[in-house]
PDB file of all heavy atoms in Angstrom:
ATOM      1  N   SER A   1      52.443  76.140  99.640  1.00  0.00           N
ATOM      2  CA  SER A   1      53.230  74.973 100.014  1.00  0.00           C
ATOM      3  C   SER A   1      53.182  74.717 101.542  1.00  0.00           C
ATOM      4  O   SER A   1      53.609  73.671 102.017  1.00  0.00           O
ATOM      5  CB  SER A   1      54.595  75.190  99.579  1.00  0.00           C
ATOM      6  OG  SER A   1      55.324  76.081 100.490  1.00  0.00           O
ATOM      7  N   LEU A   2      52.770  75.755 102.282  1.00  0.00           N
ATOM      8  CA  LEU A   2      52.671  75.641 103.744  1.00  0.00           C
ATOM      9  C   LEU A   2      51.244  75.211 104.123  1.00  0.00           C
ATOM     10  O   LEU A   2      50.867  75.377 105.290  1.00  0.00           O
ATOM     11  CB  LEU A   2      53.062  76.963 104.444  1.00  0.00           C
ATOM     12  CG  LEU A   2      54.632  77.306 104.280  1.00  0.00           C
ATOM     13  CD1 LEU A   2      54.844  78.706 104.818  1.00  0.00           C
ATOM     14  CD2 LEU A   2      55.431  76.274 104.819  1.00  0.00           C
ATOM     15  N   GLY A   3      50.396  74.974 103.194  1.00  0.00           N
ATOM     16  CA  GLY A   3      49.040  74.672 103.415  1.00  0.00           C
ATOM     17  C   GLY A   3      48.078  75.771 103.570  1.00  0.00           C
ATOM     18  O   GLY A   3      46.989  75.693 104.181  1.00  0.00           O
ATOM     19  N   GLU A   4      48.398  77.035 103.130  1.00  0.00           N
ATOM     20  CA  GLU A   4      47.527  78.269 103.451  1.00  0.00           C
ATOM     21  C   GLU A   4      47.338  78.873 101.916  1.00  0.00           C
ATOM     22  O   GLU A   4      48.204  79.210 101.184  1.00  0.00           O
ATOM     23  CB  GLU A   4      48.370  79.326 104.280  1.00  0.00           C
ATOM     24  CG  GLU A   4      48.638  78.747 105.649  1.00  0.00           C
ATOM     25  CD  GLU A   4      47.506  78.395 106.527  1.00  0.00           C
ATOM     26  OE1 GLU A   4      46.322  78.719 106.017  1.00  0.00           O
ATOM     27  OE2 GLU A   4      47.633  77.704 107.425  1.00  0.00           O
ATOM     28  N   SER A   5      45.962  79.045 101.790  1.00  0.00           N
ATOM     29  CA  SER A   5      45.508  79.755 100.603  1.00  0.00           C
ATOM     30  C   SER A   5      44.694  80.990 100.856  1.00  0.00           C
ATOM     31  O   SER A   5      44.267  81.611  99.847  1.00  0.00           O
ATOM     32  CB  SER A   5      44.830  78.835  99.745  1.00  0.00           C
ATOM     33  OG  SER A   5      43.771  78.216 100.446  1.00  0.00           O
ATOM     34  N   GLY A   6      44.344  81.245 102.075  1.00  0.00           N
ATOM     35  CA  GLY A   6      43.468  82.305 102.355  1.00  0.00           C
ATOM     36  C   GLY A   6      44.170  83.587 102.492  1.00  0.00           C
ATOM     37  O   GLY A   6      43.879  84.290 103.482  1.00  0.00           O
ATOM     38  N   VAL A   7      44.958  84.010 101.565  1.00  0.00           N
ATOM     39  CA  VAL A   7      45.703  85.100 101.624  1.00  0.00           C
ATOM     40  C   VAL A   7      45.479  85.911 100.307  1.00  0.00           C
ATOM     41  O   VAL A   7      45.530  85.345  99.304  1.00  0.00           O
ATOM     42  CB  VAL A   7      47.263  84.805 101.827  1.00  0.00           C
ATOM     43  CG1 VAL A   7      48.075  86.102 101.765  1.00  0.00           C
ATOM     44  CG2 VAL A   7      47.466  84.124 103.130  1.00  0.00           C
ATOM     45  N   VAL A   8      45.284  87.313 100.450  1.00  0.00           N
ATOM     46  CA  VAL A   8      45.331  88.100  99.217  1.00  0.00           C
ATOM     47  C   VAL A   8      46.600  88.774  99.122  1.00  0.00           C
ATOM     48  O   VAL A   8      47.191  89.381  99.947  1.00  0.00           O
ATOM     49  CB  VAL A   8      44.262  89.208  99.582  1.00  0.00           C
ATOM     50  CG1 VAL A   8      44.118  90.079  98.218  1.00  0.00           C
ATOM     51  CG2 VAL A   8      42.828  88.561  99.714  1.00  0.00           C
ATOM     52  N   ALA A   9      47.257  88.542  97.925  1.00  0.00           N
ATOM     53  CA  ALA A   9      48.606  89.164  97.574  1.00  0.00           C
ATOM     54  C   ALA A   9      48.363  90.257  96.522  1.00  0.00           C
ATOM     55  O   ALA A   9      47.829  89.832  95.470  1.00  0.00           O
ATOM     56  CB  ALA A   9      49.516  88.151  97.207  1.00  0.00           C
ATOM     57  N   THR A  10      48.909  91.354  96.641  1.00  0.00           N
ATOM     58  CA  THR A  10      48.670  92.373  95.661  1.00  0.00           C
ATOM     59  C   THR A  10      49.848  93.354  95.927  1.00  0.00           C
ATOM     60  O   THR A  10      50.682  93.382  96.793  1.00  0.00           O
ATOM     61  CB  THR A  10      47.408  93.060  95.816  1.00  0.00           C
ATOM     62  OG1 THR A  10      47.138  94.038  94.872  1.00  0.00           O
ATOM     63  CG2 THR A  10      47.316  93.760  97.175  1.00  0.00           C
ATOM     64  N   THR A  11      49.878  94.348  94.934  1.00  0.00           N
ATOM     65  CA  THR A  11      50.770  95.500  95.023  1.00  0.00           C
ATOM     66  C   THR A  11      49.846  96.657  95.531  1.00  0.00           C
ATOM     67  O   THR A  11      48.645  96.624  95.412  1.00  0.00           O
ATOM     68  CB  THR A  11      51.372  95.988  93.707  1.00  0.00           C
ATOM     69  OG1 THR A  11      50.336  96.306  92.740  1.00  0.00           O
ATOM     70  CG2 THR A  11      52.167  94.834  93.075  1.00  0.00           C
ATOM     71  N   LEU A  12      50.500  97.675  96.035  1.00  0.00           N
ATOM     72  CA  LEU A  12      49.638  98.824  96.531  1.00  0.00           C
ATOM     73  C   LEU A  12      48.923  99.496  95.495  1.00  0.00           C
ATOM     74  O   LEU A  12      47.705  99.789  95.670  1.00  0.00           O
ATOM     75  CB  LEU A  12      50.576  99.851  97.231  1.00  0.00           C
ATOM     76  CG  LEU A  12      49.862 101.013  97.926  1.00  0.00           C
ATOM     77  CD1 LEU A  12      49.155 100.401  99.189  1.00  0.00           C
ATOM     78  CD2 LEU A  12      50.838 102.064  98.486  1.00  0.00           C
ATOM     79  N   PRO A  13      49.472  99.743  94.227  1.00  0.00           N
ATOM     80  CA  PRO A  13      48.607 100.347  93.240  1.00  0.00           C
ATOM     81  C   PRO A  13      47.414  99.480  92.764  1.00  0.00           C
ATOM     82  O   PRO A  13      46.310  99.880  92.571  1.00  0.00           O
ATOM     83  CB  PRO A  13      49.568 100.462  92.004  1.00  0.00           C
ATOM     84  CG  PRO A  13      50.934 100.621  92.691  1.00  0.00           C
ATOM     85  CD  PRO A  13      50.904  99.743  93.876  1.00  0.00           C
ATOM     86  N   ASP A  14      47.558  98.095  92.714  1.00  0.00           N
ATOM     87  CA  ASP A  14      46.532  97.207  92.389  1.00  0.00           C
ATOM     88  C   ASP A  14      45.479  97.335  93.531  1.00  0.00           C
ATOM     89  O   ASP A  14      44.200  97.157  93.293  1.00  0.00           O
ATOM     90  CB  ASP A  14      46.906  95.815  92.181  1.00  0.00           C
ATOM     91  CG  ASP A  14      47.765  95.678  90.914  1.00  0.00           C
ATOM     92  OD1 ASP A  14      47.569  96.677  90.018  1.00  0.00           O
ATOM     93  OD2 ASP A  14      48.531  94.800  90.562  1.00  0.00           O
ATOM     94  N   LEU A  15      45.823  97.470  94.856  1.00  0.00           N
ATOM     95  CA  LEU A  15      44.924  97.472  95.974  1.00  0.00           C
ATOM     96  C   LEU A  15      44.160  98.734  95.913  1.00  0.00           C
ATOM     97  O   LEU A  15      42.980  98.727  96.180  1.00  0.00           O
ATOM     98  CB  LEU A  15      45.677  97.369  97.134  1.00  0.00           C
ATOM     99  CG  LEU A  15      44.926  97.491  98.531  1.00  0.00           C
ATOM    100  CD1 LEU A  15      44.054  96.261  98.696  1.00  0.00           C
ATOM    101  CD2 LEU A  15      45.871  97.698  99.755  1.00  0.00           C
ATOM    102  N   LEU A  16      44.743  99.795  95.559  1.00  0.00           N
ATOM    103  CA  LEU A  16      44.074 101.149  95.654  1.00  0.00           C
ATOM    104  C   LEU A  16      43.391 101.652  94.393  1.00  0.00           C
ATOM    105  O   LEU A  16      42.512 102.543  94.555  1.00  0.00           O
ATOM    106  CB  LEU A  16      45.088 102.176  96.117  1.00  0.00           C
ATOM    107  CG  LEU A  16      45.876 102.067  97.436  1.00  0.00           C
ATOM    108  CD1 LEU A  16      46.808 103.239  97.580  1.00  0.00           C
ATOM    109  CD2 LEU A  16      44.857 101.809  98.521  1.00  0.00           C
ATOM    110  N   ALA A  17      43.913 101.105  93.228  1.00  0.00           N
ATOM    111  CA  ALA A  17      43.525 101.601  91.968  1.00  0.00           C
ATOM    112  C   ALA A  17      41.956 101.377  91.637  1.00  0.00           C
ATOM    113  O   ALA A  17      41.657 100.271  91.360  1.00  0.00           O
ATOM    114  CB  ALA A  17      44.431 101.123  90.855  1.00  0.00           C
ATOM    115  N   ASP A  18      41.296 102.586  91.558  1.00  0.00           N
ATOM    116  CA  ASP A  18      40.018 102.519  90.857  1.00  0.00           C
ATOM    117  C   ASP A  18      40.221 103.024  89.456  1.00  0.00           C
ATOM    118  O   ASP A  18      39.351 103.009  88.601  1.00  0.00           O
ATOM    119  CB  ASP A  18      38.926 103.363  91.554  1.00  0.00           C
ATOM    120  CG  ASP A  18      38.404 102.548  92.827  1.00  0.00           C
ATOM    121  OD1 ASP A  18      38.436 101.416  92.757  1.00  0.00           O
ATOM    122  OD2 ASP A  18      37.978 103.215  93.779  1.00  0.00           O
ATOM    123  N   VAL A  19      41.443 103.676  89.245  1.00  0.00           N
ATOM    124  CA  VAL A  19      41.839 104.148  87.995  1.00  0.00           C
ATOM    125  C   VAL A  19      43.204 103.831  87.567  1.00  0.00           C
ATOM    126  O   VAL A  19      44.035 103.469  88.517  1.00  0.00           O
ATOM    127  CB  VAL A  19      41.764 105.769  87.953  1.00  0.00           C
ATOM    128  CG1 VAL A  19      40.394 106.241  88.114  1.00  0.00           C
ATOM    129  CG2 VAL A  19      42.597 106.403  89.051  1.00  0.00           C
ATOM    130  N   PRO A  20      43.542 103.607  86.273  1.00  0.00           N
ATOM    131  CA  PRO A  20      44.854 103.207  85.941  1.00  0.00           C
ATOM    132  C   PRO A  20      45.919 104.327  86.396  1.00  0.00           C
ATOM    133  O   PRO A  20      45.593 105.469  86.021  1.00  0.00           O
ATOM    134  CB  PRO A  20      44.713 102.913  84.501  1.00  0.00           C
ATOM    135  CG  PRO A  20      43.580 103.706  83.977  1.00  0.00           C
ATOM    136  CD  PRO A  20      42.705 103.735  85.147  1.00  0.00           C
ATOM    137  N   ALA A  21      47.046 103.867  86.817  1.00  0.00           N
ATOM    138  CA  ALA A  21      48.131 104.878  87.074  1.00  0.00           C
ATOM    139  C   ALA A  21      49.261 104.604  86.168  1.00  0.00           C
ATOM    140  O   ALA A  21      50.222 103.863  86.402  1.00  0.00           O
ATOM    141  CB  ALA A  21      48.572 104.721  88.629  1.00  0.00           C
ATOM    142  N   THR A  22      49.180 105.276  84.983  1.00  0.00           N
ATOM    143  CA  THR A  22      50.075 104.971  83.931  1.00  0.00           C
ATOM    144  C   THR A  22      51.166 106.022  83.773  1.00  0.00           C
ATOM    145  O   THR A  22      52.118 106.017  83.021  1.00  0.00           O
ATOM    146  CB  THR A  22      49.293 104.771  82.599  1.00  0.00           C
ATOM    147  OG1 THR A  22      48.468 106.046  82.245  1.00  0.00           O
ATOM    148  CG2 THR A  22      48.471 103.560  82.687  1.00  0.00           C
ATOM    149  N   GLY A  23      50.988 107.218  84.533  1.00  0.00           N
ATOM    150  CA  GLY A  23      51.825 108.307  84.296  1.00  0.00           C
ATOM    151  C   GLY A  23      53.221 108.279  85.165  1.00  0.00           C
ATOM    152  O   GLY A  23      53.150 107.382  85.955  1.00  0.00           O
ATOM    153  N   THR A  24      54.168 108.973  84.872  1.00  0.00           N
ATOM    154  CA  THR A  24      55.406 109.134  85.598  1.00  0.00           C
ATOM    155  C   THR A  24      55.490 110.591  85.951  1.00  0.00           C
ATOM    156  O   THR A  24      54.938 111.447  85.392  1.00  0.00           O
ATOM    157  CB  THR A  24      56.536 108.438  84.728  1.00  0.00           C
ATOM    158  OG1 THR A  24      56.616 109.508  83.452  1.00  0.00           O
ATOM    159  CG2 THR A  24      56.337 107.184  84.252  1.00  0.00           C
ATOM    160  N   GLU A  25      56.393 110.782  86.897  1.00  0.00           N
ATOM    161  CA  GLU A  25      56.723 112.163  87.407  1.00  0.00           C
ATOM    162  C   GLU A  25      58.027 112.211  88.186  1.00  0.00           C
ATOM    163  O   GLU A  25      58.441 111.121  88.487  1.00  0.00           O
ATOM    164  CB  GLU A  25      55.515 112.581  88.349  1.00  0.00           C
ATOM    165  CG  GLU A  25      55.429 111.661  89.641  1.00  0.00           C
ATOM    166  CD  GLU A  25      54.136 111.889  90.422  1.00  0.00           C
ATOM    167  OE1 GLU A  25      53.493 112.859  89.918  1.00  0.00           O
ATOM    168  OE2 GLU A  25      53.811 111.198  91.239  1.00  0.00           O
ATOM    169  N   PRO A  26      58.663 113.340  88.265  1.00  0.00           N
ATOM    170  CA  PRO A  26      59.857 113.479  88.941  1.00  0.00           C
ATOM    171  C   PRO A  26      59.812 112.981  90.371  1.00  0.00           C
ATOM    172  O   PRO A  26      58.696 113.093  90.976  1.00  0.00           O
ATOM    173  CB  PRO A  26      60.210 114.968  88.878  1.00  0.00           C
ATOM    174  CG  PRO A  26      59.449 115.422  87.772  1.00  0.00           C
ATOM    175  CD  PRO A  26      58.178 114.654  87.623  1.00  0.00           C
ATOM    176  N   GLU A  27      60.890 112.469  90.932  1.00  0.00           N
ATOM    177  CA  GLU A  27      60.907 111.872  92.236  1.00  0.00           C
ATOM    178  C   GLU A  27      60.378 112.990  93.405  1.00  0.00           C
ATOM    179  O   GLU A  27      59.592 112.646  94.267  1.00  0.00           O
ATOM    180  CB  GLU A  27      62.301 111.397  92.620  1.00  0.00           C
ATOM    181  CG  GLU A  27      62.456 110.932  93.889  1.00  0.00           C
ATOM    182  CD  GLU A  27      63.919 110.523  94.207  1.00  0.00           C
ATOM    183  OE1 GLU A  27      64.690 110.308  93.217  1.00  0.00           O
ATOM    184  OE2 GLU A  27      64.305 110.565  95.241  1.00  0.00           O
ATOM    185  N   GLU A  28      60.707 114.278  93.090  1.00  0.00           N
ATOM    186  CA  GLU A  28      60.419 115.311  94.123  1.00  0.00           C
ATOM    187  C   GLU A  28      58.987 115.606  94.173  1.00  0.00           C
ATOM    188  O   GLU A  28      58.466 115.921  95.249  1.00  0.00           O
ATOM    189  CB  GLU A  28      61.245 116.523  93.940  1.00  0.00           C
ATOM    190  CG  GLU A  28      61.032 117.162  92.430  1.00  0.00           C
ATOM    191  CD  GLU A  28      62.046 116.687  91.485  1.00  0.00           C
ATOM    192  OE1 GLU A  28      62.623 115.615  91.686  1.00  0.00           O
ATOM    193  OE2 GLU A  28      62.312 117.372  90.410  1.00  0.00           O
ATOM    194  N   VAL A  29      58.236 115.453  92.974  1.00  0.00           N
ATOM    195  CA  VAL A  29      56.807 115.462  92.940  1.00  0.00           C
ATOM    196  C   VAL A  29      56.107 114.398  93.737  1.00  0.00           C
ATOM    197  O   VAL A  29      55.267 114.600  94.486  1.00  0.00           O
ATOM    198  CB  VAL A  29      56.342 115.550  91.545  1.00  0.00           C
ATOM    199  CG1 VAL A  29      54.765 115.600  91.459  1.00  0.00           C
ATOM    200  CG2 VAL A  29      56.992 116.707  90.720  1.00  0.00           C
ATOM    201  N   ALA A  30      56.604 113.161  93.554  1.00  0.00           N
ATOM    202  CA  ALA A  30      55.969 111.986  94.222  1.00  0.00           C
ATOM    203  C   ALA A  30      56.325 112.258  95.723  1.00  0.00           C
ATOM    204  O   ALA A  30      55.415 111.827  96.521  1.00  0.00           O
ATOM    205  CB  ALA A  30      56.650 110.781  93.751  1.00  0.00           C
ATOM    206  N   ALA A  31      57.357 112.728  96.074  1.00  0.00           N
ATOM    207  CA  ALA A  31      57.707 112.979  97.559  1.00  0.00           C
ATOM    208  C   ALA A  31      56.674 113.928  98.144  1.00  0.00           C
ATOM    209  O   ALA A  31      56.194 113.597  99.204  1.00  0.00           O
ATOM    210  CB  ALA A  31      59.116 113.552  97.721  1.00  0.00           C
ATOM    211  N   VAL A  32      56.341 114.981  97.550  1.00  0.00           N
ATOM    212  CA  VAL A  32      55.391 115.951  98.052  1.00  0.00           C
ATOM    213  C   VAL A  32      54.046 115.317  98.228  1.00  0.00           C
ATOM    214  O   VAL A  32      53.432 115.378  99.219  1.00  0.00           O
ATOM    215  CB  VAL A  32      55.201 117.170  97.108  1.00  0.00           C
ATOM    216  CG1 VAL A  32      54.092 118.034  97.655  1.00  0.00           C
ATOM    217  CG2 VAL A  32      56.658 117.856  97.149  1.00  0.00           C
ATOM    218  N   LYS A  33      53.670 114.552  97.211  1.00  0.00           N
ATOM    219  CA  LYS A  33      52.327 113.889  97.251  1.00  0.00           C
ATOM    220  C   LYS A  33      52.344 112.888  98.490  1.00  0.00           C
ATOM    221  O   LYS A  33      51.271 112.550  98.973  1.00  0.00           O
ATOM    222  CB  LYS A  33      52.043 113.172  95.982  1.00  0.00           C
ATOM    223  CG  LYS A  33      51.831 114.082  94.797  1.00  0.00           C
ATOM    224  CD  LYS A  33      51.586 113.394  93.489  1.00  0.00           C
ATOM    225  CE  LYS A  33      51.360 114.244  92.345  1.00  0.00           C
ATOM    226  NZ  LYS A  33      51.178 113.533  90.916  1.00  0.00           N
ATOM    227  N   GLY A  34      53.388 112.225  98.710  1.00  0.00           N
ATOM    228  CA  GLY A  34      53.399 111.249  99.788  1.00  0.00           C
ATOM    229  C   GLY A  34      53.614 111.751 101.233  1.00  0.00           C
ATOM    230  O   GLY A  34      53.268 110.866 102.054  1.00  0.00           O
ATOM    231  N   ARG A  35      53.738 113.055 101.383  1.00  0.00           N
ATOM    232  CA  ARG A  35      53.952 113.554 102.757  1.00  0.00           C
ATOM    233  C   ARG A  35      52.594 113.527 103.476  1.00  0.00           C
ATOM    234  O   ARG A  35      51.518 113.737 102.891  1.00  0.00           O
ATOM    235  CB  ARG A  35      54.479 114.969 102.738  1.00  0.00           C
ATOM    236  CG  ARG A  35      56.061 115.002 102.322  1.00  0.00           C
ATOM    237  CD  ARG A  35      56.412 116.419 101.881  1.00  0.00           C
ATOM    238  NE  ARG A  35      56.040 117.393 102.767  1.00  0.00           N
ATOM    239  CZ  ARG A  35      56.186 118.749 102.584  1.00  0.00           C
ATOM    240  NH1 ARG A  35      56.662 119.019 101.348  1.00  0.00           N
ATOM    241  NH2 ARG A  35      55.801 119.591 103.383  1.00  0.00           N
ATOM    242  N   ALA A  36      52.774 113.369 104.844  1.00  0.00           N
ATOM    243  CA  ALA A  36      51.571 113.237 105.710  1.00  0.00           C
ATOM    244  C   ALA A  36      50.682 114.615 105.662  1.00  0.00           C
ATOM    245  O   ALA A  36      49.443 114.479 105.835  1.00  0.00           O
ATOM    246  CB  ALA A  36      51.917 112.990 107.085  1.00  0.00           C
ATOM    247  N   VAL A  37      51.306 115.583 105.321  1.00  0.00           N
ATOM    248  CA  VAL A  37      50.584 116.912 105.282  1.00  0.00           C
ATOM    249  C   VAL A  37      49.410 116.923 104.292  1.00  0.00           C
ATOM    250  O   VAL A  37      48.475 117.717 104.266  1.00  0.00           O
ATOM    251  CB  VAL A  37      51.633 118.075 105.111  1.00  0.00           C
ATOM    252  CG1 VAL A  37      52.188 118.179 103.731  1.00  0.00           C
ATOM    253  CG2 VAL A  37      50.829 119.429 105.301  1.00  0.00           C
ATOM    254  N   MET A  38      49.557 116.106 103.333  1.00  0.00           N
ATOM    255  CA  MET A  38      48.663 116.121 102.178  1.00  0.00           C
ATOM    256  C   MET A  38      47.287 115.564 102.616  1.00  0.00           C
ATOM    257  O   MET A  38      46.219 115.917 102.111  1.00  0.00           O
ATOM    258  CB  MET A  38      49.150 115.016 101.062  1.00  0.00           C
ATOM    259  CG  MET A  38      50.155 115.693 100.098  1.00  0.00           C
ATOM    260  SD  MET A  38      49.843 117.221  99.297  1.00  0.00           S
ATOM    261  CE  MET A  38      48.397 116.745  98.215  1.00  0.00           C
ATOM    262  N   ALA A  39      47.297 114.895 103.754  1.00  0.00           N
ATOM    263  CA  ALA A  39      46.080 114.443 104.358  1.00  0.00           C
ATOM    264  C   ALA A  39      45.173 115.688 104.738  1.00  0.00           C
ATOM    265  O   ALA A  39      43.977 115.741 104.650  1.00  0.00           O
ATOM    266  CB  ALA A  39      46.166 113.498 105.417  1.00  0.00           C
ATOM    267  N   GLN A  40      45.958 116.657 105.434  1.00  0.00           N
ATOM    268  CA  GLN A  40      45.336 117.880 105.831  1.00  0.00           C
ATOM    269  C   GLN A  40      44.932 118.719 104.710  1.00  0.00           C
ATOM    270  O   GLN A  40      43.758 119.363 104.702  1.00  0.00           O
ATOM    271  CB  GLN A  40      46.422 118.620 106.648  1.00  0.00           C
ATOM    272  CG  GLN A  40      45.828 119.923 107.279  1.00  0.00           C
ATOM    273  CD  GLN A  40      46.853 120.726 108.060  1.00  0.00           C
ATOM    274  OE1 GLN A  40      48.046 120.212 108.301  1.00  0.00           O
ATOM    275  NE2 GLN A  40      46.581 121.801 108.611  1.00  0.00           N
TER     276      GLN A  40
END
């Protein structure tokens, strides 16, 4: 409506997913996976 169409809109899972992420897990597990130390 503002005359702009050159934008890609997505969710983070859709942006990153080469595989489907259908599983669930406790919040504390997701928190560990999200910590910066996991890069190391």
